[in-house]
């Protein structure tokens, strides 16, 4: 069943990502391994995806990094909200394209080691 962005509750979407994770362990493990590499190639993939999904993301991140005390991420979160990244992620998750990193990335952000490092996922409702 294809869902429309902004019509699904956060917890239901999280359940869908968990179901994907439970049935796609190899894909998830390959992604998690890549994100864990010392060369940061997995993080580069995530950053490149964010830049494609929300053009201008790199500029917002660079502006935040140039601040003296860049601890709060409000400006980045606002940019991503305004760019409607949640809808893009829901669409990307449902597309099931073999080359998409979205399902594995969401599983990693919700249930993987990113949780230990303070990554945060909250999509819409």
PDB file of N, CA and C in Angstrom:
ATOM      1  N   UNK A   1       0.837  -1.176   0.000  1.00  0.00           N
ATOM      2  CA  UNK A   1       0.000   0.000   0.000  1.00  0.00           C
ATOM      3  C   UNK A   1       0.883   1.241   0.000  1.00  0.00           C
ATOM      4  N   UNK A   2       0.699   2.088  -0.966  1.00  0.00           N
ATOM      5  CA  UNK A   2       1.476   3.317  -1.054  1.00  0.00           C
ATOM      6  C   UNK A   2       0.817   4.386  -0.186  1.00  0.00           C
ATOM      7  N   UNK A   3       1.625   4.985   0.659  1.00  0.00           N
ATOM      8  CA  UNK A   3       1.100   6.049   1.517  1.00  0.00           C
ATOM      9  C   UNK A   3       1.504   7.396   0.957  1.00  0.00           C
ATOM     10  N   UNK A   4       0.705   8.378   1.251  1.00  0.00           N
ATOM     11  CA  UNK A   4       1.019   9.737   0.825  1.00  0.00           C
ATOM     12  C   UNK A   4       1.739  10.435   1.977  1.00  0.00           C
ATOM     13  N   UNK A   5       2.819  11.167   1.639  1.00  0.00           N
ATOM     14  CA  UNK A   5       3.487  11.927   2.694  1.00  0.00           C
ATOM     15  C   UNK A   5       2.483  12.831   3.412  1.00  0.00           C
ATOM     16  N   UNK A   6       2.728  13.058   4.664  1.00  0.00           N
ATOM     17  CA  UNK A   6       1.910  13.891   5.539  1.00  0.00           C
ATOM     18  C   UNK A   6       0.580  13.252   5.933  1.00  0.00           C
ATOM     19  N   UNK A   7       0.359  11.974   5.551  1.00  0.00           N
ATOM     20  CA  UNK A   7      -0.871  11.303   5.944  1.00  0.00           C
ATOM     21  C   UNK A   7      -0.609  10.164   6.922  1.00  0.00           C
ATOM     22  N   UNK A   8       0.627   9.878   7.196  1.00  0.00           N
ATOM     23  CA  UNK A   8       0.962   8.757   8.073  1.00  0.00           C
ATOM     24  C   UNK A   8       1.535   9.281   9.390  1.00  0.00           C
ATOM     25  N   UNK A   9       1.177   8.629  10.447  1.00  0.00           N
ATOM     26  CA  UNK A   9       1.705   8.987  11.767  1.00  0.00           C
ATOM     27  C   UNK A   9       3.142   8.495  11.888  1.00  0.00           C
ATOM     28  N   UNK A  10       3.924   9.228  12.646  1.00  0.00           N
ATOM     29  CA  UNK A  10       5.339   8.916  12.810  1.00  0.00           C
ATOM     30  C   UNK A  10       5.559   7.485  13.278  1.00  0.00           C
ATOM     31  N   UNK A  11       4.835   7.043  14.283  1.00  0.00           N
ATOM     32  CA  UNK A  11       5.037   5.699  14.825  1.00  0.00           C
ATOM     33  C   UNK A  11       4.714   4.622  13.792  1.00  0.00           C
ATOM     34  N   UNK A  12       3.696   4.833  12.972  1.00  0.00           N
ATOM     35  CA  UNK A  12       3.352   3.862  11.928  1.00  0.00           C
ATOM     36  C   UNK A  12       4.482   3.781  10.894  1.00  0.00           C
ATOM     37  N   UNK A  13       5.020   4.930  10.514  1.00  0.00           N
ATOM     38  CA  UNK A  13       6.118   4.933   9.551  1.00  0.00           C
ATOM     39  C   UNK A  13       7.332   4.218  10.138  1.00  0.00           C
ATOM     40  N   UNK A  14       7.604   4.475  11.399  1.00  0.00           N
ATOM     41  CA  UNK A  14       8.722   3.812  12.072  1.00  0.00           C
ATOM     42  C   UNK A  14       8.520   2.295  12.057  1.00  0.00           C
ATOM     43  N   UNK A  15       7.278   1.832  12.250  1.00  0.00           N
ATOM     44  CA  UNK A  15       6.982   0.400  12.169  1.00  0.00           C
ATOM     45  C   UNK A  15       7.281  -0.138  10.774  1.00  0.00           C
ATOM     46  N   UNK A  16       6.945   0.621   9.735  1.00  0.00           N
ATOM     47  CA  UNK A  16       7.212   0.200   8.362  1.00  0.00           C
ATOM     48  C   UNK A  16       8.717   0.068   8.118  1.00  0.00           C
ATOM     49  N   UNK A  17       9.482   1.010   8.659  1.00  0.00           N
ATOM     50  CA  UNK A  17      10.939   0.945   8.509  1.00  0.00           C
ATOM     51  C   UNK A  17      11.464  -0.282   9.247  1.00  0.00           C
ATOM     52  N   UNK A  18      10.914  -0.586  10.412  1.00  0.00           N
ATOM     53  CA  UNK A  18      11.332  -1.774  11.165  1.00  0.00           C
ATOM     54  C   UNK A  18      11.019  -3.053  10.378  1.00  0.00           C
ATOM     55  N   UNK A  19       9.859  -3.097   9.747  1.00  0.00           N
ATOM     56  CA  UNK A  19       9.506  -4.256   8.912  1.00  0.00           C
ATOM     57  C   UNK A  19      10.503  -4.400   7.763  1.00  0.00           C
ATOM     58  N   UNK A  20      10.882  -3.277   7.155  1.00  0.00           N
ATOM     59  CA  UNK A  20      11.881  -3.322   6.080  1.00  0.00           C
ATOM     60  C   UNK A  20      13.191  -3.881   6.634  1.00  0.00           C
ATOM     61  N   UNK A  21      13.608  -3.369   7.767  1.00  0.00           N
ATOM     62  CA  UNK A  21      14.852  -3.814   8.386  1.00  0.00           C
ATOM     63  C   UNK A  21      14.822  -5.320   8.649  1.00  0.00           C
ATOM     64  N   UNK A  22      13.719  -5.813   9.167  1.00  0.00           N
ATOM     65  CA  UNK A  22      13.613  -7.234   9.490  1.00  0.00           C
ATOM     66  C   UNK A  22      13.676  -8.125   8.252  1.00  0.00           C
ATOM     67  N   UNK A  23      13.316  -7.600   7.103  1.00  0.00           N
ATOM     68  CA  UNK A  23      13.298  -8.412   5.876  1.00  0.00           C
ATOM     69  C   UNK A  23      14.435  -8.087   4.910  1.00  0.00           C
ATOM     70  N   UNK A  24      15.273  -7.123   5.258  1.00  0.00           N
ATOM     71  CA  UNK A  24      16.369  -6.705   4.372  1.00  0.00           C
ATOM     72  C   UNK A  24      17.673  -6.568   5.165  1.00  0.00           C
ATOM     73  N   UNK A  25      17.962  -7.562   5.973  1.00  0.00           N
ATOM     74  CA  UNK A  25      19.135  -7.508   6.848  1.00  0.00           C
ATOM     75  C   UNK A  25      20.445  -7.305   6.090  1.00  0.00           C
ATOM     76  N   UNK A  26      20.609  -7.988   4.977  1.00  0.00           N
ATOM     77  CA  UNK A  26      21.873  -7.873   4.232  1.00  0.00           C
ATOM     78  C   UNK A  26      22.081  -6.457   3.712  1.00  0.00           C
ATOM     79  N   UNK A  27      21.032  -5.858   3.151  1.00  0.00           N
ATOM     80  CA  UNK A  27      21.144  -4.490   2.644  1.00  0.00           C
ATOM     81  C   UNK A  27      21.455  -3.523   3.786  1.00  0.00           C
ATOM     82  N   UNK A  28      20.760  -3.722   4.904  1.00  0.00           N
ATOM     83  CA  UNK A  28      20.990  -2.861   6.058  1.00  0.00           C
ATOM     84  C   UNK A  28      22.424  -3.008   6.571  1.00  0.00           C
ATOM     85  N   UNK A  29      22.875  -4.227   6.732  1.00  0.00           N
ATOM     86  CA  UNK A  29      24.227  -4.467   7.256  1.00  0.00           C
ATOM     87  C   UNK A  29      25.295  -3.877   6.339  1.00  0.00           C
ATOM     88  N   UNK A  30      25.091  -3.977   5.037  1.00  0.00           N
ATOM     89  CA  UNK A  30      26.043  -3.386   4.092  1.00  0.00           C
ATOM     90  C   UNK A  30      26.090  -1.869   4.262  1.00  0.00           C
ATOM     91  N   UNK A  31      24.923  -1.242   4.435  1.00  0.00           N
ATOM     92  CA  UNK A  31      24.879   0.207   4.634  1.00  0.00           C
ATOM     93  C   UNK A  31      25.542   0.580   5.958  1.00  0.00           C
ATOM     94  N   UNK A  32      25.191  -0.128   7.027  1.00  0.00           N
ATOM     95  CA  UNK A  32      25.762   0.167   8.350  1.00  0.00           C
ATOM     96  C   UNK A  32      27.280   0.009   8.338  1.00  0.00           C
ATOM     97  N   UNK A  33      27.762  -0.991   7.622  1.00  0.00           N
ATOM     98  CA  UNK A  33      29.206  -1.197   7.517  1.00  0.00           C
ATOM     99  C   UNK A  33      29.861  -0.021   6.784  1.00  0.00           C
ATOM    100  N   UNK A  34      29.219   0.428   5.722  1.00  0.00           N
ATOM    101  CA  UNK A  34      29.781   1.546   4.964  1.00  0.00           C
ATOM    102  C   UNK A  34      29.815   2.826   5.804  1.00  0.00           C
ATOM    103  N   UNK A  35      28.772   3.057   6.583  1.00  0.00           N
ATOM    104  CA  UNK A  35      28.729   4.248   7.438  1.00  0.00           C
ATOM    105  C   UNK A  35      29.791   4.170   8.528  1.00  0.00           C
ATOM    106  N   UNK A  36      30.157   2.966   8.923  1.00  0.00           N
ATOM    107  CA  UNK A  36      31.147   2.781   9.991  1.00  0.00           C
ATOM    108  C   UNK A  36      32.591   2.858   9.499  1.00  0.00           C
ATOM    109  N   UNK A  37      32.796   2.921   8.208  1.00  0.00           N
ATOM    110  CA  UNK A  37      34.168   2.953   7.679  1.00  0.00           C
ATOM    111  C   UNK A  37      34.911   4.209   8.125  1.00  0.00           C
ATOM    112  N   UNK A  38      36.185   4.040   8.258  1.00  0.00           N
ATOM    113  CA  UNK A  38      37.034   5.163   8.676  1.00  0.00           C
ATOM    114  C   UNK A  38      37.082   6.272   7.631  1.00  0.00           C
ATOM    115  N   UNK A  39      36.906   5.914   6.357  1.00  0.00           N
ATOM    116  CA  UNK A  39      36.985   6.931   5.307  1.00  0.00           C
ATOM    117  C   UNK A  39      35.707   7.771   5.196  1.00  0.00           C
ATOM    118  N   UNK A  40      34.710   7.449   5.999  1.00  0.00           N
ATOM    119  CA  UNK A  40      33.454   8.204   6.063  1.00  0.00           C
ATOM    120  C   UNK A  40      32.649   8.191   4.771  1.00  0.00           C
ATOM    121  N   UNK A  41      32.873   7.199   3.906  1.00  0.00           N
ATOM    122  CA  UNK A  41      32.169   7.143   2.630  1.00  0.00           C
ATOM    123  C   UNK A  41      30.658   7.046   2.817  1.00  0.00           C
ATOM    124  N   UNK A  42      30.215   6.357   3.863  1.00  0.00           N
ATOM    125  CA  UNK A  42      28.781   6.264   4.136  1.00  0.00           C
ATOM    126  C   UNK A  42      28.179   7.600   4.515  1.00  0.00           C
ATOM    127  N   UNK A  43      28.895   8.364   5.329  1.00  0.00           N
ATOM    128  CA  UNK A  43      28.403   9.691   5.699  1.00  0.00           C
ATOM    129  C   UNK A  43      28.388  10.618   4.491  1.00  0.00           C
ATOM    130  N   UNK A  44      29.341  10.446   3.628  1.00  0.00           N
ATOM    131  CA  UNK A  44      29.362  11.248   2.397  1.00  0.00           C
ATOM    132  C   UNK A  44      28.133  10.926   1.556  1.00  0.00           C
ATOM    133  N   UNK A  45      27.760   9.650   1.474  1.00  0.00           N
ATOM    134  CA  UNK A  45      26.546   9.263   0.747  1.00  0.00           C
ATOM    135  C   UNK A  45      25.313   9.931   1.345  1.00  0.00           C
ATOM    136  N   UNK A  46      25.213   9.935   2.665  1.00  0.00           N
ATOM    137  CA  UNK A  46      24.075  10.564   3.339  1.00  0.00           C
ATOM    138  C   UNK A  46      24.054  12.058   3.043  1.00  0.00           C
ATOM    139  N   UNK A  47      25.210  12.701   3.133  1.00  0.00           N
ATOM    140  CA  UNK A  47      25.299  14.137   2.864  1.00  0.00           C
ATOM    141  C   UNK A  47      24.918  14.442   1.417  1.00  0.00           C
ATOM    142  N   UNK A  48      25.389  13.625   0.487  1.00  0.00           N
ATOM    143  CA  UNK A  48      25.053  13.833  -0.921  1.00  0.00           C
ATOM    144  C   UNK A  48      23.561  13.635  -1.163  1.00  0.00           C
ATOM    145  N   UNK A  49      22.970  12.643  -0.497  1.00  0.00           N
ATOM    146  CA  UNK A  49      21.528  12.447  -0.621  1.00  0.00           C
ATOM    147  C   UNK A  49      20.787  13.675  -0.093  1.00  0.00           C
ATOM    148  N   UNK A  50      21.197  14.172   1.061  1.00  0.00           N
ATOM    149  CA  UNK A  50      20.543  15.355   1.637  1.00  0.00           C
ATOM    150  C   UNK A  50      20.651  16.546   0.695  1.00  0.00           C
ATOM    151  N   UNK A  51      21.796  16.702   0.065  1.00  0.00           N
ATOM    152  CA  UNK A  51      21.997  17.815  -0.866  1.00  0.00           C
ATOM    153  C   UNK A  51      21.094  17.671  -2.095  1.00  0.00           C
ATOM    154  N   UNK A  52      20.897  16.453  -2.573  1.00  0.00           N
ATOM    155  CA  UNK A  52      19.990  16.230  -3.711  1.00  0.00           C
ATOM    156  C   UNK A  52      18.535  16.439  -3.300  1.00  0.00           C
ATOM    157  N   UNK A  53      18.176  15.943  -2.120  1.00  0.00           N
ATOM    158  CA  UNK A  53      16.802  16.035  -1.652  1.00  0.00           C
ATOM    159  C   UNK A  53      16.416  17.454  -1.244  1.00  0.00           C
ATOM    160  N   UNK A  54      17.385  18.209  -0.779  1.00  0.00           N
ATOM    161  CA  UNK A  54      17.134  19.577  -0.314  1.00  0.00           C
ATOM    162  C   UNK A  54      18.285  20.468  -0.777  1.00  0.00           C
ATOM    163  N   UNK A  55      18.239  20.891  -2.054  1.00  0.00           N
ATOM    164  CA  UNK A  55      19.324  21.749  -2.561  1.00  0.00           C
ATOM    165  C   UNK A  55      19.543  22.955  -1.642  1.00  0.00           C
ATOM    166  N   UNK A  56      20.784  23.225  -1.370  1.00  0.00           N
ATOM    167  CA  UNK A  56      21.133  24.299  -0.452  1.00  0.00           C
ATOM    168  C   UNK A  56      21.520  23.787   0.916  1.00  0.00           C
ATOM    169  N   UNK A  57      21.321  22.497   1.161  1.00  0.00           N
ATOM    170  CA  UNK A  57      21.646  21.898   2.448  1.00  0.00           C
ATOM    171  C   UNK A  57      23.105  22.138   2.815  1.00  0.00           C
ATOM    172  N   UNK A  58      24.000  21.955   1.862  1.00  0.00           N
ATOM    173  CA  UNK A  58      25.431  22.144   2.137  1.00  0.00           C
ATOM    174  C   UNK A  58      25.713  23.565   2.610  1.00  0.00           C
ATOM    175  N   UNK A  59      25.060  24.533   2.009  1.00  0.00           N
ATOM    176  CA  UNK A  59      25.269  25.933   2.411  1.00  0.00           C
ATOM    177  C   UNK A  59      24.822  26.173   3.846  1.00  0.00           C
ATOM    178  N   UNK A  60      23.689  25.585   4.224  1.00  0.00           N
ATOM    179  CA  UNK A  60      23.177  25.754   5.581  1.00  0.00           C
ATOM    180  C   UNK A  60      24.118  25.096   6.585  1.00  0.00           C
ATOM    181  N   UNK A  61      24.608  23.912   6.258  1.00  0.00           N
ATOM    182  CA  UNK A  61      25.536  23.204   7.145  1.00  0.00           C
ATOM    183  C   UNK A  61      26.843  23.982   7.283  1.00  0.00           C
ATOM    184  N   UNK A  62      27.360  24.480   6.168  1.00  0.00           N
ATOM    185  CA  UNK A  62      28.614  25.250   6.223  1.00  0.00           C
ATOM    186  C   UNK A  62      28.438  26.527   7.037  1.00  0.00           C
ATOM    187  N   UNK A  63      27.303  27.185   6.891  1.00  0.00           N
ATOM    188  CA  UNK A  63      27.041  28.395   7.682  1.00  0.00           C
ATOM    189  C   UNK A  63      27.002  28.053   9.167  1.00  0.00           C
ATOM    190  N   UNK A  64      26.385  26.942   9.506  1.00  0.00           N
ATOM    191  CA  UNK A  64      26.307  26.518  10.908  1.00  0.00           C
ATOM    192  C   UNK A  64      27.701  26.196  11.446  1.00  0.00           C
ATOM    193  N   UNK A  65      28.505  25.528  10.635  1.00  0.00           N
ATOM    194  CA  UNK A  65      29.852  25.157  11.073  1.00  0.00           C
ATOM    195  C   UNK A  65      30.753  26.369  11.271  1.00  0.00           C
ATOM    196  N   UNK A  66      30.461  27.460  10.581  1.00  0.00           N
ATOM    197  CA  UNK A  66      31.299  28.649  10.710  1.00  0.00           C
ATOM    198  C   UNK A  66      30.936  29.496  11.925  1.00  0.00           C
ATOM    199  N   UNK A  67      29.852  29.165  12.603  1.00  0.00           N
ATOM    200  CA  UNK A  67      29.467  29.901  13.806  1.00  0.00           C
ATOM    201  C   UNK A  67      30.430  29.599  14.945  1.00  0.00           C
ATOM    202  N   UNK A  68      30.565  30.531  15.871  1.00  0.00           N
ATOM    203  CA  UNK A  68      31.451  30.325  17.014  1.00  0.00           C
ATOM    204  C   UNK A  68      30.973  29.187  17.910  1.00  0.00           C
ATOM    205  N   UNK A  69      29.685  29.090  18.107  1.00  0.00           N
ATOM    206  CA  UNK A  69      29.124  28.079  19.002  1.00  0.00           C
ATOM    207  C   UNK A  69      27.982  27.356  18.274  1.00  0.00           C
ATOM    208  N   UNK A  70      28.319  26.431  17.370  1.00  0.00           N
ATOM    209  CA  UNK A  70      27.290  25.804  16.522  1.00  0.00           C
ATOM    210  C   UNK A  70      26.554  24.629  17.165  1.00  0.00           C
ATOM    211  N   UNK A  71      26.249  24.727  18.461  1.00  0.00           N
ATOM    212  CA  UNK A  71      25.665  23.576  19.147  1.00  0.00           C
ATOM    213  C   UNK A  71      24.213  23.303  18.770  1.00  0.00           C
ATOM    214  N   UNK A  72      23.386  24.329  18.650  1.00  0.00           N
ATOM    215  CA  UNK A  72      21.991  24.051  18.311  1.00  0.00           C
ATOM    216  C   UNK A  72      21.860  23.882  16.797  1.00  0.00           C
ATOM    217  N   UNK A  73      20.955  23.034  16.419  1.00  0.00           N
ATOM    218  CA  UNK A  73      20.771  22.718  15.003  1.00  0.00           C
ATOM    219  C   UNK A  73      19.461  23.281  14.464  1.00  0.00           C
ATOM    220  N   UNK A  74      18.915  24.289  15.137  1.00  0.00           N
ATOM    221  CA  UNK A  74      17.623  24.835  14.753  1.00  0.00           C
ATOM    222  C   UNK A  74      17.576  25.300  13.303  1.00  0.00           C
ATOM    223  N   UNK A  75      18.619  25.976  12.840  1.00  0.00           N
ATOM    224  CA  UNK A  75      18.601  26.497  11.471  1.00  0.00           C
ATOM    225  C   UNK A  75      18.618  25.365  10.448  1.00  0.00           C
ATOM    226  N   UNK A  76      19.336  24.298  10.747  1.00  0.00           N
ATOM    227  CA  UNK A  76      19.373  23.146   9.841  1.00  0.00           C
ATOM    228  C   UNK A  76      18.021  22.434   9.853  1.00  0.00           C
ATOM    229  N   UNK A  77      17.473  22.230  11.048  1.00  0.00           N
ATOM    230  CA  UNK A  77      16.161  21.583  11.143  1.00  0.00           C
ATOM    231  C   UNK A  77      15.092  22.400  10.421  1.00  0.00           C
ATOM    232  N   UNK A  78      15.122  23.713  10.570  1.00  0.00           N
ATOM    233  CA  UNK A  78      14.148  24.574   9.892  1.00  0.00           C
ATOM    234  C   UNK A  78      14.306  24.465   8.382  1.00  0.00           C
ATOM    235  N   UNK A  79      15.540  24.478   7.909  1.00  0.00           N
ATOM    236  CA  UNK A  79      15.774  24.356   6.473  1.00  0.00           C
ATOM    237  C   UNK A  79      15.195  23.046   5.940  1.00  0.00           C
ATOM    238  N   UNK A  80      15.455  21.949   6.634  1.00  0.00           N
ATOM    239  CA  UNK A  80      14.967  20.645   6.186  1.00  0.00           C
ATOM    240  C   UNK A  80      13.443  20.568   6.263  1.00  0.00           C
ATOM    241  N   UNK A  81      12.861  21.179   7.282  1.00  0.00           N
ATOM    242  CA  UNK A  81      11.396  21.221   7.379  1.00  0.00           C
ATOM    243  C   UNK A  81      10.807  22.013   6.219  1.00  0.00           C
ATOM    244  N   UNK A  82      11.385  23.189   5.949  1.00  0.00           N
ATOM    245  CA  UNK A  82      10.913  24.037   4.849  1.00  0.00           C
ATOM    246  C   UNK A  82      11.081  23.349   3.494  1.00  0.00           C
ATOM    247  N   UNK A  83      12.115  22.535   3.358  1.00  0.00           N
ATOM    248  CA  UNK A  83      12.365  21.807   2.110  1.00  0.00           C
ATOM    249  C   UNK A  83      11.476  20.566   2.010  1.00  0.00           C
ATOM    250  N   UNK A  84      10.683  20.308   3.046  1.00  0.00           N
ATOM    251  CA  UNK A  84       9.774  19.151   3.105  1.00  0.00           C
ATOM    252  C   UNK A  84      10.530  17.839   2.897  1.00  0.00           C
ATOM    253  N   UNK A  85      11.645  17.722   3.583  1.00  0.00           N
ATOM    254  CA  UNK A  85      12.467  16.523   3.478  1.00  0.00           C
ATOM    255  C   UNK A  85      11.709  15.273   3.941  1.00  0.00           C
ATOM    256  N   UNK A  86      10.760  15.443   4.855  1.00  0.00           N
ATOM    257  CA  UNK A  86       9.984  14.288   5.318  1.00  0.00           C
ATOM    258  C   UNK A  86       9.236  13.637   4.159  1.00  0.00           C
ATOM    259  N   UNK A  87       8.606  14.443   3.321  1.00  0.00           N
ATOM    260  CA  UNK A  87       7.894  13.882   2.165  1.00  0.00           C
ATOM    261  C   UNK A  87       8.851  13.196   1.209  1.00  0.00           C
ATOM    262  N   UNK A  88      10.008  13.791   1.018  1.00  0.00           N
ATOM    263  CA  UNK A  88      11.010  13.200   0.133  1.00  0.00           C
ATOM    264  C   UNK A  88      11.474  11.846   0.667  1.00  0.00           C
ATOM    265  N   UNK A  89      11.664  11.756   1.976  1.00  0.00           N
ATOM    266  CA  UNK A  89      12.088  10.491   2.578  1.00  0.00           C
ATOM    267  C   UNK A  89      10.998   9.424   2.490  1.00  0.00           C
ATOM    268  N   UNK A  90       9.754   9.803   2.730  1.00  0.00           N
ATOM    269  CA  UNK A  90       8.653   8.844   2.619  1.00  0.00           C
ATOM    270  C   UNK A  90       8.575   8.322   1.190  1.00  0.00           C
ATOM    271  N   UNK A  91       8.643   9.239   0.224  1.00  0.00           N
ATOM    272  CA  UNK A  91       8.619   8.823  -1.189  1.00  0.00           C
ATOM    273  C   UNK A  91       9.805   7.918  -1.517  1.00  0.00           C
ATOM    274  N   UNK A  92      10.981   8.290  -1.050  1.00  0.00           N
ATOM    275  CA  UNK A  92      12.180   7.493  -1.303  1.00  0.00           C
ATOM    276  C   UNK A  92      12.107   6.119  -0.664  1.00  0.00           C
ATOM    277  N   UNK A  93      11.520   6.050   0.513  1.00  0.00           N
ATOM    278  CA  UNK A  93      11.365   4.773   1.199  1.00  0.00           C
ATOM    279  C   UNK A  93      10.432   3.856   0.417  1.00  0.00           C
ATOM    280  N   UNK A  94       9.355   4.416  -0.066  1.00  0.00           N
ATOM    281  CA  UNK A  94       8.355   3.614  -0.774  1.00  0.00           C
ATOM    282  C   UNK A  94       8.773   3.241  -2.186  1.00  0.00           C
ATOM    283  N   UNK A  95       9.703   3.980  -2.775  1.00  0.00           N
ATOM    284  CA  UNK A  95      10.068   3.724  -4.165  1.00  0.00           C
ATOM    285  C   UNK A  95      10.676   2.340  -4.355  1.00  0.00           C
ATOM    286  N   UNK A  96      11.375   1.850  -3.310  1.00  0.00           N
ATOM    287  CA  UNK A  96      12.025   0.546  -3.351  1.00  0.00           C
ATOM    288  C   UNK A  96      12.982   0.401  -4.549  1.00  0.00           C
ATOM    289  N   UNK A  97      13.551   1.520  -4.975  1.00  0.00           N
ATOM    290  CA  UNK A  97      14.550   1.453  -6.042  1.00  0.00           C
ATOM    291  C   UNK A  97      15.791   0.767  -5.476  1.00  0.00           C
ATOM    292  N   UNK A  98      16.372  -0.145  -6.237  1.00  0.00           N
ATOM    293  CA  UNK A  98      17.518  -0.904  -5.717  1.00  0.00           C
ATOM    294  C   UNK A  98      18.726  -0.040  -5.356  1.00  0.00           C
ATOM    295  N   UNK A  99      18.896   1.102  -5.993  1.00  0.00           N
ATOM    296  CA  UNK A  99      20.059   1.942  -5.715  1.00  0.00           C
ATOM    297  C   UNK A  99      19.777   3.015  -4.660  1.00  0.00           C
ATOM    298  N   UNK A 100      18.585   3.023  -4.085  1.00  0.00           N
ATOM    299  CA  UNK A 100      18.230   4.025  -3.079  1.00  0.00           C
ATOM    300  C   UNK A 100      18.830   3.679  -1.725  1.00  0.00           C
ATOM    301  N   UNK A 101      19.408   4.670  -1.082  1.00  0.00           N
ATOM    302  CA  UNK A 101      19.936   4.455   0.268  1.00  0.00           C
ATOM    303  C   UNK A 101      18.884   4.743   1.331  1.00  0.00           C
ATOM    304  N   UNK A 102      17.731   5.263   0.930  1.00  0.00           N
ATOM    305  CA  UNK A 102      16.744   5.752   1.894  1.00  0.00           C
ATOM    306  C   UNK A 102      16.277   4.676   2.885  1.00  0.00           C
ATOM    307  N   UNK A 103      15.818   3.500   2.457  1.00  0.00           N
ATOM    308  CA  UNK A 103      15.364   2.528   3.463  1.00  0.00           C
ATOM    309  C   UNK A 103      16.447   2.157   4.481  1.00  0.00           C
ATOM    310  N   UNK A 104      17.634   1.864   4.007  1.00  0.00           N
ATOM    311  CA  UNK A 104      18.720   1.489   4.924  1.00  0.00           C
ATOM    312  C   UNK A 104      19.133   2.668   5.799  1.00  0.00           C
ATOM    313  N   UNK A 105      19.162   3.856   5.229  1.00  0.00           N
ATOM    314  CA  UNK A 105      19.530   5.044   5.997  1.00  0.00           C
ATOM    315  C   UNK A 105      18.521   5.285   7.120  1.00  0.00           C
ATOM    316  N   UNK A 106      17.229   5.171   6.811  1.00  0.00           N
ATOM    317  CA  UNK A 106      16.205   5.366   7.839  1.00  0.00           C
ATOM    318  C   UNK A 106      16.291   4.292   8.915  1.00  0.00           C
ATOM    319  N   UNK A 107      16.515   3.050   8.508  1.00  0.00           N
ATOM    320  CA  UNK A 107      16.660   1.968   9.486  1.00  0.00           C
ATOM    321  C   UNK A 107      17.859   2.240  10.395  1.00  0.00           C
ATOM    322  N   UNK A 108      18.945   2.708   9.814  1.00  0.00           N
ATOM    323  CA  UNK A 108      20.151   3.015  10.595  1.00  0.00           C
ATOM    324  C   UNK A 108      19.883   4.176  11.562  1.00  0.00           C
ATOM    325  N   UNK A 109      19.145   5.170  11.079  1.00  0.00           N
ATOM    326  CA  UNK A 109      18.866   6.322  11.937  1.00  0.00           C
ATOM    327  C   UNK A 109      17.882   5.985  13.059  1.00  0.00           C
ATOM    328  N   UNK A 110      16.891   5.166  12.757  1.00  0.00           N
ATOM    329  CA  UNK A 110      15.917   4.773  13.784  1.00  0.00           C
ATOM    330  C   UNK A 110      16.450   3.717  14.746  1.00  0.00           C
ATOM    331  N   UNK A 111      17.106   2.694  14.227  1.00  0.00           N
ATOM    332  CA  UNK A 111      17.397   1.511  15.022  1.00  0.00           C
ATOM    333  C   UNK A 111      18.876   1.160  15.121  1.00  0.00           C
ATOM    334  N   UNK A 112      19.732   1.812  14.359  1.00  0.00           N
ATOM    335  CA  UNK A 112      21.136   1.444  14.305  1.00  0.00           C
ATOM    336  C   UNK A 112      22.022   2.234  15.227  1.00  0.00           C
ATOM    337  N   UNK A 113      23.297   2.156  14.944  1.00  0.00           N
ATOM    338  CA  UNK A 113      24.295   2.795  15.806  1.00  0.00           C
ATOM    339  C   UNK A 113      24.244   4.314  15.756  1.00  0.00           C
ATOM    340  N   UNK A 114      23.531   4.893  14.805  1.00  0.00           N
ATOM    341  CA  UNK A 114      23.426   6.353  14.782  1.00  0.00           C
ATOM    342  C   UNK A 114      22.764   6.860  16.059  1.00  0.00           C
ATOM    343  N   UNK A 115      21.909   6.039  16.667  1.00  0.00           N
ATOM    344  CA  UNK A 115      21.226   6.431  17.904  1.00  0.00           C
ATOM    345  C   UNK A 115      22.235   6.697  19.012  1.00  0.00           C
ATOM    346  N   UNK A 116      23.357   5.976  18.997  1.00  0.00           N
ATOM    347  CA  UNK A 116      24.392   6.180  20.016  1.00  0.00           C
ATOM    348  C   UNK A 116      25.086   7.524  19.831  1.00  0.00           C
ATOM    349  N   UNK A 117      25.060   8.032  18.596  1.00  0.00           N
ATOM    350  CA  UNK A 117      25.787   9.252  18.288  1.00  0.00           C
ATOM    351  C   UNK A 117      24.883  10.469  18.227  1.00  0.00           C
ATOM    352  N   UNK A 118      23.644  10.320  18.667  1.00  0.00           N
ATOM    353  CA  UNK A 118      22.753  11.465  18.755  1.00  0.00           C
ATOM    354  C   UNK A 118      22.005  11.804  17.485  1.00  0.00           C
ATOM    355  N   UNK A 119      22.014  10.941  16.488  1.00  0.00           N
ATOM    356  CA  UNK A 119      21.222  11.213  15.286  1.00  0.00           C
ATOM    357  C   UNK A 119      19.754  11.185  15.685  1.00  0.00           C
ATOM    358  N   UNK A 120      18.970  11.957  15.015  1.00  0.00           N
ATOM    359  CA  UNK A 120      17.584  12.118  15.389  1.00  0.00           C
ATOM    360  C   UNK A 120      16.714  12.035  14.153  1.00  0.00           C
ATOM    361  N   UNK A 121      15.633  11.273  14.259  1.00  0.00           N
ATOM    362  CA  UNK A 121      14.689  11.160  13.147  1.00  0.00           C
ATOM    363  C   UNK A 121      13.305  11.449  13.682  1.00  0.00           C
ATOM    364  N   UNK A 122      12.652  12.400  13.090  1.00  0.00           N
ATOM    365  CA  UNK A 122      11.242  12.672  13.406  1.00  0.00           C
ATOM    366  C   UNK A 122      10.633  13.210  12.149  1.00  0.00           C
ATOM    367  N   UNK A 123       9.750  12.439  11.550  1.00  0.00           N
ATOM    368  CA  UNK A 123       9.132  12.831  10.292  1.00  0.00           C
ATOM    369  C   UNK A 123       7.688  13.227  10.526  1.00  0.00           C
ATOM    370  N   UNK A 124       7.404  14.498  10.422  1.00  0.00           N
ATOM    371  CA  UNK A 124       6.026  14.969  10.462  1.00  0.00           C
ATOM    372  C   UNK A 124       5.291  14.614  11.727  1.00  0.00           C
ATOM    373  N   UNK A 125       4.065  14.083  11.534  1.00  0.00           N
ATOM    374  CA  UNK A 125       3.149  13.819  12.635  1.00  0.00           C
ATOM    375  C   UNK A 125       3.770  12.859  13.612  1.00  0.00           C
TER     376      UNK A 125
END
